[in-house]
Protein backbone atom coordinates (compact mmCIF):
# COMPACT_ATOMS: atom_id res chain seq x y z
CA MET A 1 -29.08 1.32 0.53
CA THR A 2 -25.31 1.96 0.46
CA VAL A 3 -22.42 2.65 -1.87
CA MET A 4 -20.27 -0.44 -2.49
CA VAL A 5 -16.46 -0.48 -2.76
CA VAL A 6 -14.25 -2.86 -4.76
CA THR A 7 -10.49 -3.07 -5.20
CA ASP A 8 -8.02 -5.67 -6.47
CA SER A 9 -5.34 -7.70 -4.78
CA ALA A 10 -2.67 -5.16 -5.76
CA SER A 11 -4.00 -3.19 -2.79
CA CYS A 12 -2.42 -5.72 -0.37
CA LEU A 13 -5.47 -5.10 1.82
CA PRO A 14 -5.66 -7.80 4.51
CA ARG A 15 -8.74 -10.02 4.27
CA ALA A 16 -9.92 -9.35 7.79
CA THR A 17 -9.82 -5.59 7.21
CA ALA A 18 -11.65 -5.89 3.88
CA ARG A 19 -14.33 -8.07 5.49
CA GLU A 20 -14.78 -5.67 8.38
CA HIS A 21 -15.46 -2.76 6.02
CA GLY A 22 -17.45 -4.65 3.38
CA ILE A 23 -14.85 -4.19 0.63
CA THR A 24 -14.74 -6.69 -2.24
CA VAL A 25 -11.20 -7.71 -3.25
CA LEU A 26 -10.62 -9.24 -6.70
CA ASP A 27 -7.59 -11.41 -7.41
CA LEU A 28 -5.18 -10.37 -10.11
CA HIS A 29 -4.12 -13.46 -12.02
CA THR A 30 -0.77 -15.26 -11.77
CA MET A 31 0.42 -17.93 -14.18
CA GLY A 32 3.40 -20.27 -14.50
CA ASP A 33 6.10 -21.31 -12.04
CA GLY A 34 9.51 -20.06 -10.99
CA GLU A 35 11.12 -17.58 -13.34
CA GLU A 36 8.36 -18.24 -15.86
CA ARG A 37 5.71 -16.78 -13.55
CA SER A 38 3.75 -13.89 -15.02
CA THR A 39 0.60 -11.94 -14.27
CA SER A 40 -2.45 -10.65 -16.07
CA GLY A 41 -4.95 -8.00 -15.13
CA LEU A 42 -8.66 -8.38 -14.59
CA GLY A 43 -10.80 -8.51 -17.72
CA PRO A 44 -13.91 -6.50 -18.64
CA LEU A 45 -16.27 -9.49 -18.35
CA GLN A 46 -15.18 -10.37 -14.82
CA LEU A 47 -15.35 -6.75 -13.75
CA THR A 48 -18.77 -6.23 -15.35
CA ALA A 49 -20.15 -9.24 -13.46
CA THR A 50 -18.67 -8.00 -10.19
CA TYR A 51 -19.97 -4.47 -10.60
CA ALA A 52 -23.45 -5.82 -11.44
CA ARG A 53 -23.53 -7.90 -8.26
CA LEU A 54 -22.39 -4.97 -6.16
CA LEU A 55 -24.96 -2.59 -7.67
CA GLU A 56 -27.69 -5.11 -6.90
CA ARG A 57 -26.38 -5.60 -3.35
CA GLY A 58 -26.17 -1.86 -2.72
CA GLY A 59 -29.57 -1.00 -4.16
CA ASP A 60 -28.04 0.83 -7.15
CA ASP A 61 -26.51 3.49 -4.91
CA GLY A 62 -23.28 3.14 -6.88
CA VAL A 63 -19.89 1.43 -6.88
CA VAL A 64 -16.44 2.89 -6.19
CA ALA A 65 -13.74 0.89 -8.00
CA VAL A 66 -10.15 1.36 -6.76
CA HIS A 67 -7.71 -0.50 -9.02
CA LEU A 68 -4.00 -0.73 -9.77
CA SER A 69 -2.36 2.09 -11.75
CA LYS A 70 -3.11 2.03 -15.46
CA GLU A 71 0.63 2.45 -16.07
CA LEU A 72 1.28 -0.91 -14.40
CA SER A 73 -1.70 -3.02 -15.48
CA GLY A 74 -4.52 -3.24 -18.00
CA THR A 75 -7.02 -3.61 -15.15
CA TRP A 76 -7.88 0.10 -15.04
CA SER A 77 -8.73 0.20 -18.75
CA ALA A 78 -10.82 -2.95 -18.38
CA ALA A 79 -12.61 -1.35 -15.43
CA VAL A 80 -13.47 1.73 -17.48
CA GLN A 81 -14.89 -0.52 -20.21
CA ALA A 82 -16.93 -2.46 -17.66
CA ALA A 83 -18.24 0.71 -16.01
CA ALA A 84 -19.53 1.96 -19.39
CA VAL A 85 -22.00 -0.95 -19.49
CA PHE A 86 -24.04 0.57 -16.67
CA ASP A 87 -25.95 3.83 -16.31
CA GLU A 88 -23.64 6.81 -16.53
CA GLY A 89 -21.93 7.43 -13.20
CA ALA A 90 -23.22 4.26 -11.52
CA VAL A 91 -19.70 2.81 -11.35
CA ARG A 92 -16.89 5.27 -10.67
CA VAL A 93 -13.37 4.06 -11.42
CA VAL A 94 -10.76 5.98 -9.42
CA ASP A 95 -7.60 6.83 -11.39
CA THR A 96 -5.18 5.86 -8.62
CA ASN A 97 -1.78 5.98 -10.38
CA SER A 98 -0.60 3.83 -7.50
CA ALA A 99 -0.47 0.38 -5.88
CA GLY A 100 -0.23 -1.35 -2.52
CA MET A 101 -1.86 0.09 0.56
CA VAL A 102 -2.33 3.43 -1.18
CA LEU A 103 -5.15 1.57 -2.93
CA GLY A 104 -6.09 -0.15 0.31
CA GLU A 105 -6.36 3.11 2.24
CA ALA A 106 -8.31 4.75 -0.60
CA ALA A 107 -10.78 1.86 -0.58
CA LEU A 108 -11.05 2.08 3.21
CA ALA A 109 -11.72 5.83 3.03
CA ALA A 110 -14.53 5.25 0.53
CA ALA A 111 -15.97 2.38 2.60
CA ARG A 112 -15.93 4.40 5.82
CA ALA A 113 -17.67 7.25 4.03
CA ALA A 114 -20.31 4.84 2.69
CA ALA A 115 -20.85 3.38 6.15
CA GLY A 116 -21.46 6.91 7.41
CA GLY A 117 -24.21 7.46 4.82
CA ALA A 118 -22.23 9.40 2.22
CA ASP A 119 -23.40 9.35 -1.38
CA LEU A 120 -21.37 8.10 -4.33
CA GLU A 121 -19.77 11.47 -5.12
CA GLU A 122 -18.57 11.91 -1.54
CA CYS A 123 -17.20 8.35 -1.38
CA VAL A 124 -15.25 8.90 -4.62
CA ALA A 125 -13.94 12.22 -3.30
CA ARG A 126 -12.66 10.55 -0.13
CA ALA A 127 -10.80 7.92 -2.14
CA GLN A 128 -9.33 10.53 -4.47
CA ALA A 129 -8.17 12.66 -1.53
CA VAL A 130 -6.17 9.75 -0.14
CA VAL A 131 -4.55 9.00 -3.51
CA ALA A 132 -3.70 12.65 -4.18
CA ARG A 133 -1.54 12.98 -1.04
CA ALA A 134 -0.02 9.50 -0.96
CA HIS A 135 3.53 8.24 -1.50
CA LEU A 136 4.84 4.78 -2.29
CA TRP A 137 8.52 3.79 -2.23
CA LEU A 138 9.94 0.42 -3.30
CA TYR A 139 13.21 -1.32 -2.45
CA VAL A 140 13.94 -4.53 -4.35
CA HIS A 141 16.63 -7.00 -3.34
CA ARG A 142 17.26 -7.97 -6.97
CA LEU A 143 16.20 -6.10 -10.11
CA GLU A 144 15.68 -9.10 -12.39
CA ALA A 145 11.99 -9.58 -11.53
CA LEU A 146 11.20 -5.93 -12.32
CA ARG A 147 13.11 -6.17 -15.61
CA ARG A 148 11.36 -9.41 -16.62
CA GLY A 149 7.98 -7.84 -16.01
CA GLY A 150 8.80 -4.80 -18.14
CA ARG A 151 8.72 -2.41 -15.17
CA LEU A 152 12.41 -1.57 -15.55
CA SER A 153 14.55 -1.11 -18.64
CA ALA A 154 17.20 -3.72 -19.38
CA GLY A 155 19.87 -1.00 -19.47
CA ARG A 156 19.09 0.38 -16.04
CA SER A 157 18.84 -3.14 -14.60
CA LEU A 158 22.20 -4.14 -16.06
CA LEU A 159 23.90 -0.94 -14.87
CA SER A 160 22.52 -1.26 -11.34
CA THR A 161 23.55 -4.92 -11.15
CA ALA A 162 27.04 -4.29 -12.50
CA LEU A 163 27.67 -1.44 -10.07
CA ALA A 164 26.05 -3.31 -7.16
CA ILE A 165 23.68 -0.38 -6.65
CA LYS A 166 20.76 -0.79 -4.24
CA PRO A 167 18.04 1.46 -5.67
CA ILE A 168 14.91 2.87 -4.06
CA PHE A 169 12.08 3.69 -6.45
CA HIS A 170 9.22 6.13 -5.96
CA LEU A 171 5.91 5.52 -7.70
CA ALA A 172 5.10 8.85 -9.39
CA ASP A 173 2.21 9.28 -11.83
CA GLY A 174 1.90 5.51 -11.91
CA ARG A 175 5.49 4.90 -12.98
CA LEU A 176 8.53 3.73 -11.05
CA GLU A 177 11.14 6.49 -10.86
CA LEU A 178 14.54 6.25 -9.19
CA ALA A 179 14.40 8.14 -5.88
CA ALA A 180 17.74 7.19 -4.32
CA LYS A 181 20.58 4.71 -4.67
CA SER A 182 23.35 3.38 -2.48
CA ARG A 183 25.96 0.65 -2.44
CA THR A 184 24.59 -1.24 0.58
CA GLN A 185 21.21 -2.32 1.87
CA ALA A 186 21.88 -0.61 5.20
CA LYS A 187 22.43 2.77 3.56
CA ALA A 188 19.42 2.20 1.30
CA PHE A 189 17.20 1.75 4.34
CA ASP A 190 18.71 4.83 6.00
CA LYS A 191 17.66 6.82 2.93
CA LEU A 192 14.23 5.18 2.85
CA VAL A 193 13.52 6.10 6.48
CA ALA A 194 14.74 9.65 5.82
CA MET A 195 12.44 10.04 2.79
CA VAL A 196 9.41 8.75 4.70
CA ALA A 197 10.20 11.07 7.62
CA GLY A 198 10.59 14.02 5.26
CA ALA A 199 7.24 13.34 3.59
CA CYS A 200 5.66 13.06 7.02
CA ARG A 201 7.09 16.43 8.04
CA ASP A 202 5.66 17.94 4.86
CA VAL A 203 2.21 16.89 6.07
CA LEU A 204 2.48 17.51 9.81
CA GLY A 205 4.95 20.41 9.84
CA ASP A 206 8.53 20.69 11.06
CA ASP A 207 7.48 21.16 14.70
CA ALA A 208 5.97 17.67 14.94
CA ASP A 209 7.72 15.75 17.70
CA ALA A 210 9.84 12.80 16.63
CA GLY A 211 8.74 9.45 17.97
CA ASP A 212 10.05 8.20 21.29
CA GLY A 213 9.63 4.53 20.48
CA ASP A 214 6.09 4.27 21.86
CA GLY A 215 4.39 4.29 18.46
CA PRO A 216 1.22 2.32 17.79
CA VAL A 217 1.65 -1.43 17.96
CA ALA A 218 -1.96 -2.37 18.68
CA GLU A 219 -2.96 -5.92 17.75
CA SER A 220 0.57 -6.72 16.53
CA GLY A 221 1.68 -8.64 19.58
CA ALA A 222 5.01 -6.81 19.29
CA GLU A 223 6.56 -5.22 22.34
CA PRO A 224 6.57 -1.40 22.36
CA VAL A 225 9.95 -0.01 21.30
CA GLU A 226 11.55 1.89 24.13
CA ALA A 227 13.73 4.88 23.36
CA GLY A 228 17.17 3.66 22.33
CA ASP A 229 16.07 0.07 21.61
CA SER A 230 15.91 0.63 17.86
CA ALA A 231 19.12 1.05 15.93
CA ALA A 232 17.63 4.03 14.10
CA GLY A 233 19.03 7.43 14.96
CA GLY A 234 16.78 9.88 16.78
CA GLY A 235 14.93 12.74 15.18
CA ALA A 236 12.72 12.89 12.12
CA GLY A 237 15.65 12.29 9.78
CA ALA A 238 16.90 8.70 9.87
CA GLY A 239 20.06 7.99 11.82
CA SER A 240 22.89 5.95 10.43
CA GLY A 241 21.70 2.78 12.18
CA ALA A 242 18.28 2.57 10.56
CA GLY A 243 19.43 0.53 7.60
CA ALA A 244 21.50 -1.81 9.72
CA ALA A 245 18.45 -2.47 11.87
CA ALA A 246 16.54 -3.53 8.78
CA GLY A 247 19.32 -5.47 7.15
CA ALA A 248 18.32 -9.10 7.82
CA ASP A 249 15.87 -11.03 5.66
CA ALA A 250 13.59 -13.80 6.88
CA GLY A 251 10.88 -15.83 5.17
CA ALA A 252 7.24 -14.82 5.31
CA GLY A 253 4.13 -15.84 3.43
CA ASP A 254 2.84 -13.81 0.52
CA GLY A 255 -0.61 -12.27 0.49
CA ALA A 256 -3.46 -13.45 -1.70
CA GLY A 257 -6.46 -11.80 -3.23
CA GLY A 258 -9.96 -13.08 -3.92
CA ASP A 259 -13.36 -12.25 -5.39
CA ALA A 260 -14.53 -11.21 -1.98
CA ALA A 261 -12.92 -11.27 1.43
CA ARG A 262 -13.12 -14.85 2.65
CA PRO A 263 -13.09 -15.80 6.32
CA GLY A 264 -10.15 -17.92 7.34
CA ASP A 265 -7.97 -16.94 4.38
CA PRO A 266 -4.45 -17.12 5.84
CA ALA A 267 -2.56 -15.89 2.83
CA THR A 268 -2.54 -12.13 3.22
CA GLY A 269 -1.96 -12.05 6.94
CA ASP A 270 -3.17 -9.39 9.33
CA VAL A 271 -1.94 -5.84 9.53
CA VAL A 272 0.84 -5.66 12.10
CA GLY A 273 0.62 -2.64 14.34
CA ALA A 274 -2.43 -1.13 12.66
CA ALA A 275 -5.19 0.47 14.67
CA GLU A 276 -8.39 0.46 12.62
CA GLN A 277 -10.26 3.73 12.45
CA ASP A 278 -13.92 3.61 13.40
CA GLY A 279 -16.79 5.99 13.12
CA ASP A 280 -18.21 8.07 10.32
CA ALA A 281 -16.73 9.10 7.05
CA GLY A 282 -13.87 11.39 8.05
CA GLY A 283 -11.87 12.95 5.22
CA ALA A 284 -8.16 13.62 5.01
CA GLY A 285 -7.53 15.56 8.18
CA ASP A 286 -8.38 19.19 7.48
CA ALA A 287 -11.47 18.23 5.46
CA ALA A 288 -13.17 17.52 8.78
CA GLY A 289 -11.58 20.46 10.60
CA ARG A 290 -9.03 18.30 12.41
CA ALA A 291 -5.30 17.70 12.16
CA PRO A 292 -4.26 15.33 9.37
CA GLU A 293 -3.70 11.71 10.37
CA VAL A 294 -0.75 9.97 8.73
CA ALA A 295 -0.55 6.21 8.25
CA VAL A 296 2.60 4.43 7.08
CA CYS A 297 2.50 0.83 5.87
CA ILE A 298 5.44 -1.47 5.18
CA HIS A 299 4.89 -4.15 2.52
CA GLN A 300 7.17 -7.18 2.37
CA THR A 301 7.86 -10.33 0.37
CA GLU A 302 9.86 -13.01 2.19
CA ALA A 303 11.39 -10.26 4.34
CA ALA A 304 9.37 -10.38 7.56
CA GLU A 305 12.33 -9.78 9.86
CA THR A 306 13.60 -6.91 7.75
CA ALA A 307 10.12 -5.37 7.70
CA GLU A 308 9.79 -5.58 11.49
CA ARG A 309 13.16 -3.93 12.03
CA LEU A 310 12.25 -1.24 9.53
CA ARG A 311 8.96 -0.74 11.38
CA ARG A 312 10.86 -0.15 14.61
CA ALA A 313 13.19 2.32 12.90
CA LEU A 314 10.22 4.22 11.47
CA VAL A 315 8.37 4.27 14.80
CA GLU A 316 11.41 5.93 16.36
CA ALA A 317 12.02 8.35 13.48
CA LEU A 318 8.43 9.47 12.87
CA PRO A 319 6.37 11.85 15.02
CA ASP A 320 4.23 10.44 17.81
CA GLY A 321 0.81 9.29 16.68
CA VAL A 322 1.86 8.18 13.18
CA GLU A 323 0.54 4.66 12.61
CA VAL A 324 3.08 2.17 11.26
CA SER A 325 1.87 -1.26 10.09
CA VAL A 326 3.15 -4.22 8.08
CA VAL A 327 1.37 -6.26 5.39
CA ALA A 328 2.41 -9.00 2.96
CA ILE A 329 2.85 -8.17 -0.71
CA THR A 330 0.27 -10.19 -2.62
CA PRO A 331 1.43 -12.83 -5.13
CA ALA A 332 0.57 -10.90 -8.29
CA ILE A 333 2.75 -8.00 -7.15
CA ALA A 334 5.47 -10.23 -5.68
CA VAL A 335 6.00 -11.74 -9.15
CA HIS A 336 7.36 -8.35 -10.24
CA THR A 337 9.16 -7.26 -7.06
CA GLY A 338 10.81 -10.59 -6.20
CA PRO A 339 11.77 -12.07 -2.81
CA GLY A 340 13.29 -9.74 -0.24
CA SER A 341 11.44 -6.69 -1.59
CA VAL A 342 10.11 -4.03 0.75
CA ALA A 343 7.77 -1.15 -0.05
CA VAL A 344 6.57 1.71 2.15
CA SER A 345 3.38 3.69 1.62
CA LEU A 346 2.42 6.94 3.33
CA VAL A 347 -1.15 8.21 3.23
CA VAL A 348 -3.05 11.07 4.83
CA ARG A 349 -6.46 10.12 6.16
C-alpha cells in the first residue's frame, strides 16, 4: 500500500503539516512543575505498538522512524529495540543526530517520497539525505535549564553566567557544541544570522543573490518585508542591526506532540511563512537534477516577537527563494532550553 512515517514531538512539526502528509507524531513525556520539570523518552513498548499499527495500516510496506538524537534522548535506542521485534528491515530507524525541524523536514521528505510511490529504501534515503546536510543552531536566554537537564556542564554554565556570555550552540554529531559567544543578545543574533547565511552560501554558492526583503511569507499573514524595513544589514553576511532587530522577547505558546496528528490541536501552532512543497518524492536538489532548495526554520519558546524579527533579518540576509518559517518549540524540548530560547535549522530539500 504505502510506506508509513513516524517521528516524535522533538521534531516541532506542526500538527496541520503532519496531518497533511500522513505523519504520526508521538509525544515525548514531560513530568513535574516549574524548576522540577523533567522529560523522559519514548519506551520500547509504546514504540512497538505504534510501529505495529503503522505496518498494518500501510500493508506491511514498511515504516520510517525519525526520532531525536540518541545523544540527547533514550528514544532512539528504544526505537531500535522496538524495530527488532518485526521482520528484519520492516521498520527503519533513521540515526538523525539532530532535533527540531531537521527531524521534521526529514520526516516530510520520507512522507513525500512515500506519497509518490517510493519504496522503503528510497524513503529512508530521502530522510537520510536531509539529515546529512542539515544544521541546527541554538541560542538560550539562560543556561540553567540546559545545565539541569545534563545538556551542559556545570562548569561551562557557571563560567558563561559569571561572564554574562550569550552563547550560540551548534548541534554536531548529536551533541551541543559552542559555535559562537558574545556579551549581548544583539551581537549574538548578528552572529547567528551570519552563520546561517554562510551555511546557505555553502549550499547555493557565493553568487547567490542576497534577499531583497521579498522572501516567502505565504500563509503567515505577515506583511512582506520591503528593502530597508528590516534592521539587518544587507548582503549574505548579517549586518550590525540584525541582533537589535531580534532583541525583544514576547510570550508565545509552546508546541505539543501527540500519538498522531489531531485536528484542532492548538498547541504547536502553524508554520509561519512556510510554503508547503507538493508533488512527488523529490530528493535534495541535485538528486532530481535541479538546484538545491534551502529551507530555514526558526524555533521559539516564549519569544514570538524575537523570532519574527529574526525571521525578517534572515529574509533580508539570505538569497531570494530561501524559505524562512517559524514554529513553536514543543514542551519536552522547552524544558531543556527554557523561556526565551531560539533555535534555527537549515535543511536542503
